[in-house]
Amino acid sequence: MGQITVTRPSQHALEELGVRNWETWTCDVSTFDWHYDQKETCYVLEGAVTVTVGQDKVDIKAGDLAIFPAGMDCTWTVTSPIKRHYKFG
């Protein structure tokens, strides 16, 4: 099982990925546990979240592209209402 990968992609890279065609998910400030059955890629449009995996914390905010590996268990702490595009697989 890998770790979370976070990058700051260019608009060109986002267009190549087709991010605007992905599903959209929103969430208010909250904390919850999550398990990834399959790989997920997401692009954060608004807000911020801290994802905790074991002892490691990863901050993800607007403008970040994050990849979550299949099989990962984590805790999401949404610190600012979040809006993001996402796709599985």
Protein backbone atom coordinates (compact mmCIF):
# COMPACT_ATOMS: atom_id res chain seq x y z
CA MET A 1 0.00 0.00 0.00
CA GLY A 2 1.35 3.41 -0.98
CA GLN A 3 1.00 6.86 0.48
CA ILE A 4 -1.03 9.91 -0.51
CA THR A 5 0.51 11.87 -3.39
CA VAL A 6 -0.24 15.62 -3.56
CA THR A 7 0.75 17.88 -6.46
CA ARG A 8 -0.14 21.37 -7.75
CA PRO A 9 -0.97 20.69 -11.42
CA SER A 10 -1.05 23.29 -14.19
CA GLN A 11 -4.32 24.14 -15.93
CA HIS A 12 -2.98 22.28 -18.97
CA ALA A 13 -2.42 19.13 -16.89
CA LEU A 14 -5.95 19.39 -15.46
CA GLU A 15 -7.38 19.69 -18.97
CA GLU A 16 -5.42 16.62 -20.11
CA LEU A 17 -6.82 14.63 -17.16
CA GLY A 18 -10.37 15.80 -17.94
CA VAL A 19 -10.91 16.91 -14.34
CA ARG A 20 -13.93 19.08 -15.18
CA ASN A 21 -15.79 15.95 -16.32
CA TRP A 22 -15.28 14.12 -13.01
CA GLU A 23 -17.96 13.84 -10.32
CA THR A 24 -18.14 16.61 -7.68
CA TRP A 25 -18.28 16.04 -3.91
CA THR A 26 -18.77 18.61 -1.15
CA CYS A 27 -18.49 18.35 2.63
CA ASP A 28 -18.83 20.80 5.52
CA VAL A 29 -16.37 20.98 8.40
CA SER A 30 -16.31 17.49 9.94
CA THR A 31 -14.17 14.49 10.87
CA PHE A 32 -14.74 10.94 9.64
CA ASP A 33 -12.92 7.67 8.98
CA TRP A 34 -12.57 6.43 5.40
CA HIS A 35 -11.36 3.29 3.60
CA TYR A 36 -10.32 3.33 -0.05
CA ASP A 37 -11.43 0.13 -1.82
CA GLN A 38 -9.80 1.42 -4.99
CA LYS A 39 -7.45 4.22 -6.03
CA GLU A 40 -9.02 7.69 -6.01
CA THR A 41 -7.74 10.85 -7.69
CA CYS A 42 -9.24 14.18 -6.66
CA TYR A 43 -8.76 17.86 -7.43
CA VAL A 44 -9.73 20.32 -4.68
CA LEU A 45 -11.65 23.35 -5.92
CA GLU A 46 -12.38 24.97 -2.54
CA GLY A 47 -11.56 24.38 1.12
CA ALA A 48 -9.03 22.30 3.02
CA VAL A 49 -8.66 18.92 4.70
CA THR A 50 -6.07 17.14 6.81
CA VAL A 51 -5.92 13.41 6.07
CA THR A 52 -4.35 11.25 8.79
CA VAL A 53 -2.86 7.84 7.96
CA GLY A 54 -1.40 6.21 11.06
CA GLN A 55 0.89 8.89 12.55
CA ASP A 56 1.25 10.81 9.26
CA LYS A 57 -0.83 13.91 8.46
CA VAL A 58 -1.23 15.29 4.94
CA ASP A 59 -2.73 18.75 4.35
CA ILE A 60 -4.68 19.12 1.11
CA LYS A 61 -6.15 22.45 -0.04
CA ALA A 62 -7.71 24.22 -3.01
CA GLY A 63 -5.52 23.78 -6.10
CA ASP A 64 -4.12 20.40 -4.99
CA LEU A 65 -4.45 17.15 -6.93
CA ALA A 66 -4.33 14.20 -4.53
CA ILE A 67 -4.06 10.48 -5.25
CA PHE A 68 -5.18 8.02 -2.57
CA PRO A 69 -4.02 4.40 -2.99
CA ALA A 70 -6.35 1.40 -2.87
CA GLY A 71 -6.49 -0.32 0.52
CA MET A 72 -5.70 2.80 2.57
CA ASP A 73 -7.50 3.52 5.86
CA CYS A 74 -7.47 7.13 7.01
CA THR A 75 -9.26 9.87 8.90
CA TRP A 76 -10.47 12.99 7.10
CA THR A 77 -10.60 16.24 9.09
CA VAL A 78 -12.27 18.85 6.90
CA THR A 79 -11.05 22.18 8.28
CA SER A 80 -12.74 24.43 5.70
CA PRO A 81 -15.83 23.39 3.68
CA ILE A 82 -14.49 21.41 0.75
CA LYS A 83 -15.56 21.05 -2.87
CA ARG A 84 -13.66 18.69 -5.12
CA HIS A 85 -13.77 16.73 -8.36
CA TYR A 86 -12.92 13.03 -8.04
CA LYS A 87 -12.64 9.77 -9.93
CA PHE A 88 -11.99 6.18 -8.90
CA GLY A 89 -9.68 3.74 -10.62
